[in-house]
């Protein structure tokens, strides 16, 4: 049995000026809206970030019902819940050309039975980016006082090299296993191949989550915004994922296989790990209360702009000219 969520009382703007909770049809042409929501997962494994769930969207304009099968993109995922969005560009021309000007029309999103009812909403804001995880995959090595060490062999108290703060001890190492195969490139980890940024940068392949940032020109750039399909790509060959999250006293730039990357910035996902209970209680309480020093990011995080373009240009410079795309970027 399918589960249905209704999005009601969406204000429709017909003069091209959008505001809060308004879908701007701009005299018949949609501009910049998306439908977002949250829900619970009734199966054994929650959706993963980037997964696309096939849903049916029904738009009622007060007289007629318009229906379209469409894919909702999972934007964040915990053990028991997830959030999703459907962007303007996903809809066929049937939806944005509706001439509706009152505020009592509805959008209905019908999910598969394994998705329980959620709390959807209409929004006219520009697409936002939620950064979920800064973590390494098993096998990636991190620079410690004793040299490079595979992340899975690190222990609390080990000191890792930071860019500006010397050596910092590990306060907690979060672990998370994801056993769902990454059938879609959008949900797969990112592999940064050896030499992608230049000789020995990195020294060996680095595998990270999509939102794990690379440090470049005093900015943090999430790996998924550096994907070129050749030397940086979504690795869809990995079925069983084990992530490791390195928490320090302060968020810092650390070194993985010679490449400057970031440590873990905790957020609400601190409770999603397989071993959250191992985090020192005082630190865990401070994180939950929003007072922990490690919550402050050490450098600005960017997804566009000169630094991102320069990083992509550097990747292009060192990419083999005859290389073929390894995965969808």
Protein backbone atom coordinates (compact mmCIF):
# COMPACT_ATOMS: atom_id res chain seq x y z
CA UNK A 1 0.00 0.00 0.00
CA UNK A 2 1.35 3.41 -0.96
CA UNK A 3 1.76 6.26 1.49
CA UNK A 4 0.50 9.69 0.53
CA UNK A 5 1.63 13.08 1.76
CA UNK A 6 -0.35 16.20 0.95
CA UNK A 7 1.15 19.63 0.44
CA UNK A 8 -1.69 22.06 1.03
CA UNK A 9 -2.26 25.80 1.13
CA UNK A 10 0.55 26.61 -1.25
CA UNK A 11 0.33 30.25 -2.25
CA UNK A 12 0.72 30.72 -5.99
CA UNK A 13 2.25 33.92 -7.33
CA UNK A 14 1.12 34.97 -10.82
CA UNK A 15 3.08 38.19 -11.20
CA UNK A 16 6.58 36.77 -11.04
CA UNK A 17 7.41 37.88 -7.49
CA UNK A 18 8.06 34.92 -5.21
CA UNK A 19 8.09 34.90 -1.43
CA UNK A 20 8.05 32.48 1.46
CA UNK A 21 6.05 29.31 0.76
CA UNK A 22 5.22 30.54 -2.72
CA UNK A 23 5.62 28.62 -5.94
CA UNK A 24 6.32 31.27 -8.54
CA UNK A 25 4.64 30.43 -11.86
CA UNK A 26 5.82 33.71 -13.39
CA UNK A 27 2.83 34.09 -15.67
CA UNK A 28 2.95 30.43 -16.61
CA UNK A 29 6.66 29.70 -16.45
CA UNK A 30 8.03 28.20 -13.25
CA UNK A 31 11.05 29.87 -11.76
CA UNK A 32 13.16 28.59 -8.90
CA UNK A 33 10.77 26.51 -6.83
CA UNK A 34 11.11 23.10 -5.32
CA UNK A 35 8.97 20.84 -3.17
CA UNK A 36 10.64 19.52 -0.05
CA UNK A 37 9.62 17.22 2.74
CA UNK A 38 10.68 14.70 5.34
CA UNK A 39 9.56 11.20 6.17
CA UNK A 40 10.31 7.93 7.90
CA UNK A 41 11.61 4.72 6.41
CA UNK A 42 9.84 1.47 7.25
CA UNK A 43 12.40 -0.88 5.71
CA UNK A 44 15.60 -2.30 7.19
CA UNK A 45 17.93 0.19 5.52
CA UNK A 46 17.21 3.93 5.21
CA UNK A 47 17.63 5.75 1.91
CA UNK A 48 21.10 7.12 1.23
CA UNK A 49 21.93 10.70 0.33
CA UNK A 50 21.59 11.13 -3.42
CA UNK A 51 19.20 8.23 -3.86
CA UNK A 52 16.25 8.88 -6.15
CA UNK A 53 12.87 7.50 -5.05
CA UNK A 54 10.17 7.08 -7.68
CA UNK A 55 7.00 8.86 -6.56
CA UNK A 56 3.79 10.09 -8.12
CA UNK A 57 3.02 13.80 -7.87
CA UNK A 58 -0.56 14.99 -8.26
CA UNK A 59 -1.24 18.71 -8.59
CA UNK A 60 -4.81 19.88 -8.02
CA UNK A 61 -5.62 23.34 -9.39
CA UNK A 62 -9.11 23.52 -7.92
CA UNK A 63 -10.73 21.87 -10.93
CA UNK A 64 -8.36 19.42 -12.55
CA UNK A 65 -5.81 16.90 -11.27
CA UNK A 66 -2.49 16.64 -13.10
CA UNK A 67 -0.33 13.59 -12.40
CA UNK A 68 3.30 12.77 -13.12
CA UNK A 69 5.66 9.99 -12.06
CA UNK A 70 8.83 11.66 -10.90
CA UNK A 71 11.95 11.06 -8.80
CA UNK A 72 12.36 12.62 -5.36
CA UNK A 73 16.01 13.18 -4.42
CA UNK A 74 17.09 12.20 -0.89
CA UNK A 75 18.99 15.17 0.58
CA UNK A 76 19.73 13.85 4.07
CA UNK A 77 19.26 10.53 5.80
CA UNK A 78 19.39 9.23 9.36
CA UNK A 79 18.66 5.87 10.88
CA UNK A 80 14.91 6.48 11.06
CA UNK A 81 14.17 9.48 8.91
CA UNK A 82 15.20 11.33 5.79
CA UNK A 83 14.50 14.50 3.84
CA UNK A 84 13.78 14.82 0.16
CA UNK A 85 13.22 17.40 -2.54
CA UNK A 86 11.77 17.66 -6.03
CA UNK A 87 13.14 20.59 -8.00
CA UNK A 88 11.35 22.74 -10.55
CA UNK A 89 13.37 21.25 -13.40
CA UNK A 90 12.00 17.79 -12.62
CA UNK A 91 8.46 18.68 -13.62
CA UNK A 92 7.02 18.40 -17.09
CA UNK A 93 5.58 21.50 -18.72
CA UNK A 94 2.12 20.47 -17.45
CA UNK A 95 2.86 21.75 -13.96
CA UNK A 96 4.47 25.17 -14.44
CA UNK A 97 1.95 26.24 -17.10
CA UNK A 98 -1.00 25.94 -14.74
CA UNK A 99 -2.72 29.30 -14.40
CA UNK A 100 -3.62 29.12 -10.74
CA UNK A 101 -3.90 32.19 -8.60
CA UNK A 102 -5.62 31.20 -5.36
CA UNK A 103 -4.06 29.74 -2.24
CA UNK A 104 -6.11 26.59 -1.65
CA UNK A 105 -4.64 24.28 -4.27
CA UNK A 106 -2.73 21.16 -3.29
CA UNK A 107 0.19 19.04 -4.35
CA UNK A 108 0.09 15.37 -3.37
CA UNK A 109 3.22 13.23 -3.31
CA UNK A 110 2.62 9.47 -3.28
CA UNK A 111 5.56 7.38 -2.01
CA UNK A 112 6.12 3.60 -2.12
CA UNK A 113 4.78 1.62 0.83
CA UNK A 114 8.16 1.45 2.57
CA UNK A 115 8.12 5.23 2.94
CA UNK A 116 5.90 6.39 5.78
CA UNK A 117 3.99 9.66 5.86
CA UNK A 118 6.17 12.69 6.31
CA UNK A 119 5.83 16.42 6.68
CA UNK A 120 6.08 18.04 3.26
CA UNK A 121 6.05 21.72 2.41
CA UNK A 122 6.15 24.05 -0.55
CA UNK A 123 9.09 26.41 -0.85
CA UNK A 124 10.22 29.11 -3.24
CA UNK A 125 13.71 29.50 -1.88
CA UNK A 126 16.78 28.83 -3.96
CA UNK A 127 18.08 25.27 -3.64
CA UNK A 128 20.11 24.90 -0.47
CA UNK A 129 22.97 22.51 0.14
CA UNK A 130 23.03 20.41 3.29
CA UNK A 131 26.48 19.10 4.22
CA UNK A 132 26.00 15.79 5.98
CA UNK A 133 29.22 13.88 6.38
CA UNK A 134 32.95 14.55 6.43
CA UNK A 135 34.37 11.07 6.57
CA UNK A 136 36.91 8.68 5.14
CA UNK A 137 36.40 5.18 3.81
CA UNK A 138 38.29 2.19 5.18
CA UNK A 139 41.80 2.00 3.78
CA UNK A 140 42.44 5.73 3.45
CA UNK A 141 45.54 6.74 5.42
CA UNK A 142 45.83 9.81 7.66
CA UNK A 143 49.07 11.49 8.79
CA UNK A 144 49.84 10.88 12.48
CA UNK A 145 52.93 11.40 14.67
CA UNK A 146 54.01 7.91 13.65
CA UNK A 147 53.47 8.38 9.94
CA UNK A 148 50.51 7.55 7.76
CA UNK A 149 48.02 5.16 9.34
CA UNK A 150 44.90 3.55 7.82
CA UNK A 151 41.89 5.31 9.25
CA UNK A 152 40.39 2.07 10.58
CA UNK A 153 43.52 1.47 12.70
CA UNK A 154 43.44 4.85 14.44
CA UNK A 155 42.51 5.06 18.13
CA UNK A 156 41.21 7.79 20.41
CA UNK A 157 44.21 9.73 21.71
CA UNK A 158 46.30 9.29 18.56
CA UNK A 159 47.62 12.64 17.35
CA UNK A 160 47.08 13.72 13.76
CA UNK A 161 48.83 16.49 11.91
CA UNK A 162 46.79 19.66 11.30
CA UNK A 163 47.57 22.49 8.94
CA UNK A 164 47.58 25.33 11.45
CA UNK A 165 47.35 23.77 14.90
CA UNK A 166 50.25 21.33 14.97
CA UNK A 167 49.24 17.95 16.38
CA UNK A 168 45.73 17.37 17.70
CA UNK A 169 44.56 14.24 19.53
CA UNK A 170 41.57 12.32 18.28
CA UNK A 171 38.69 12.72 20.74
CA UNK A 172 36.28 10.32 19.06
CA UNK A 173 36.18 8.19 15.92
CA UNK A 174 32.69 7.76 14.56
CA UNK A 175 31.91 4.61 12.59
CA UNK A 176 29.07 3.97 10.22
CA UNK A 177 28.36 1.01 7.98
CA UNK A 178 26.18 1.34 4.89
CA UNK A 179 25.36 -1.98 3.29
CA UNK A 180 22.99 -0.81 0.56
CA UNK A 181 24.72 -1.08 -2.82
CA UNK A 182 25.22 2.26 -4.50
CA UNK A 183 23.36 1.53 -7.71
CA UNK A 184 23.16 5.23 -8.52
CA UNK A 185 26.27 7.31 -9.08
CA UNK A 186 24.70 10.22 -7.18
CA UNK A 187 24.85 8.31 -3.92
CA UNK A 188 28.33 6.81 -4.22
CA UNK A 189 31.48 7.85 -2.35
CA UNK A 190 34.01 9.99 -4.19
CA UNK A 191 37.39 8.56 -5.18
CA UNK A 192 40.22 11.07 -5.68
CA UNK A 193 42.90 9.19 -7.58
CA UNK A 194 46.63 9.43 -6.91
CA UNK A 195 48.14 12.49 -8.59
CA UNK A 196 44.79 14.09 -9.37
CA UNK A 197 46.00 17.52 -8.17
CA UNK A 198 49.61 17.04 -9.25
CA UNK A 199 52.54 14.72 -8.50
CA UNK A 200 51.83 12.83 -5.25
CA UNK A 201 48.71 14.90 -4.58
CA UNK A 202 47.41 12.64 -3.28
CA UNK A 203 50.10 9.98 -2.96
CA UNK A 204 47.50 7.20 -3.18
CA UNK A 205 43.78 7.14 -3.91
CA UNK A 206 41.63 8.88 -1.31
CA UNK A 207 38.04 7.70 -0.82
CA UNK A 208 35.68 10.03 1.02
CA UNK A 209 32.02 10.82 1.40
CA UNK A 210 30.58 13.24 -1.12
CA UNK A 211 30.52 16.19 1.28
CA UNK A 212 34.01 15.64 2.67
CA UNK A 213 35.91 18.79 1.79
CA UNK A 214 39.31 19.24 0.17
CA UNK A 215 41.30 22.27 1.33
CA UNK A 216 42.23 24.56 -1.54
CA UNK A 217 43.26 28.22 -1.46
CA UNK A 218 42.07 28.74 2.10
CA UNK A 219 38.64 27.31 1.34
CA UNK A 220 36.92 23.97 1.87
CA UNK A 221 35.44 22.45 -1.28
CA UNK A 222 33.17 19.38 -0.92
CA UNK A 223 34.47 16.49 -3.01
CA UNK A 224 31.28 16.15 -5.02
CA UNK A 225 31.88 19.60 -6.52
CA UNK A 226 35.27 18.47 -7.83
CA UNK A 227 34.05 15.39 -9.68
CA UNK A 228 35.34 15.35 -13.26
CA UNK A 229 34.53 11.74 -14.08
CA UNK A 230 38.20 10.93 -14.76
CA UNK A 231 40.53 11.51 -11.81
CA UNK A 232 37.78 12.39 -9.33
CA UNK A 233 34.67 10.28 -9.68
CA UNK A 234 31.77 8.62 -7.91
CA UNK A 235 32.98 5.09 -7.18
CA UNK A 236 29.94 2.91 -7.83
CA UNK A 237 31.93 -0.32 -7.49
CA UNK A 238 31.85 -0.28 -3.68
CA UNK A 239 28.89 -2.19 -2.27
CA UNK A 240 29.67 -2.28 1.45
CA UNK A 241 30.71 1.09 2.81
CA UNK A 242 32.39 1.71 6.15
CA UNK A 243 32.85 5.37 7.03
CA UNK A 244 35.17 6.76 9.71
CA UNK A 245 34.69 10.24 11.16
CA UNK A 246 37.65 11.85 12.94
CA UNK A 247 36.63 14.30 15.65
CA UNK A 248 39.22 16.68 17.14
CA UNK A 249 38.97 19.39 19.79
CA UNK A 250 38.65 21.86 16.93
CA UNK A 251 37.66 21.42 13.31
CA UNK A 252 40.89 21.34 11.31
CA UNK A 253 42.57 20.63 8.02
CA UNK A 254 44.34 17.28 8.23
CA UNK A 255 46.28 15.22 5.70
CA UNK A 256 45.05 12.06 4.00
CA UNK A 257 47.50 10.41 1.61
CA UNK A 258 49.28 13.80 1.35
CA UNK A 259 46.11 15.68 0.40
CA UNK A 260 44.79 18.44 2.66
CA UNK A 261 41.27 17.50 3.73
CA UNK A 262 39.05 18.17 6.75
CA UNK A 263 38.26 16.54 10.06
CA UNK A 264 34.68 15.88 11.13
CA UNK A 265 32.30 18.74 11.95
CA UNK A 266 29.55 17.30 14.17
CA UNK A 267 25.92 18.27 13.71
CA UNK A 268 22.58 16.56 14.26
CA UNK A 269 24.01 13.42 12.66
CA UNK A 270 26.14 12.82 15.77
CA UNK A 271 23.36 10.47 16.91
CA UNK A 272 23.27 8.48 13.67
CA UNK A 273 26.53 6.58 14.09
CA UNK A 274 26.89 2.95 15.03
CA UNK A 275 29.04 3.93 18.03
CA UNK A 276 27.66 7.26 19.25
CA UNK A 277 27.64 5.83 22.78
CA UNK A 278 31.45 5.72 22.72
CA UNK A 279 31.70 9.51 22.41
CA UNK A 280 32.68 11.08 25.78
CA UNK A 281 29.44 12.15 27.45
CA UNK A 282 30.57 15.70 28.25
CA UNK A 283 31.64 16.25 24.65
CA UNK A 284 28.44 14.70 23.34
CA UNK A 285 26.34 16.95 25.57
CA UNK A 286 28.23 20.03 24.38
CA UNK A 287 27.73 19.05 20.75
CA UNK A 288 24.02 18.51 21.25
CA UNK A 289 23.77 21.84 23.08
CA UNK A 290 25.63 23.63 20.30
CA UNK A 291 28.43 24.85 22.59
CA UNK A 292 31.31 22.56 21.59
CA UNK A 293 34.36 24.28 20.10
CA UNK A 294 34.59 21.62 17.39
CA UNK A 295 31.33 22.94 15.86
CA UNK A 296 33.12 26.00 14.44
CA UNK A 297 34.43 25.48 10.91
CA UNK A 298 38.09 26.32 10.42
CA UNK A 299 37.72 27.75 6.91
CA UNK A 300 34.82 28.90 4.73
CA UNK A 301 33.07 26.22 2.73
CA UNK A 302 32.50 26.96 -0.97
CA UNK A 303 30.72 25.18 -3.80
CA UNK A 304 31.12 27.88 -6.45
CA UNK A 305 33.46 30.76 -7.11
CA UNK A 306 37.07 31.36 -8.18
CA UNK A 307 38.64 28.80 -5.85
CA UNK A 308 36.32 26.03 -7.03
CA UNK A 309 36.97 26.89 -10.67
CA UNK A 310 40.72 27.00 -10.04
CA UNK A 311 40.62 23.59 -8.36
CA UNK A 312 38.71 22.12 -11.27
CA UNK A 313 41.17 23.68 -13.71
CA UNK A 314 44.07 22.12 -11.80
CA UNK A 315 42.36 18.72 -11.95
CA UNK A 316 41.88 19.14 -15.71
CA UNK A 317 45.55 20.03 -16.12
CA UNK A 318 46.72 16.76 -14.56
CA UNK A 319 44.00 14.51 -15.97
CA UNK A 320 45.24 12.06 -18.64
CA UNK A 321 44.26 13.40 -22.04
CA UNK A 322 43.13 9.98 -23.30
CA UNK A 323 41.28 8.93 -20.13
CA UNK A 324 37.62 7.96 -20.31
CA UNK A 325 34.99 8.82 -17.76
CA UNK A 326 34.89 6.20 -15.03
CA UNK A 327 31.50 7.12 -13.58
CA UNK A 328 28.77 9.66 -14.02
CA UNK A 329 30.04 12.92 -12.57
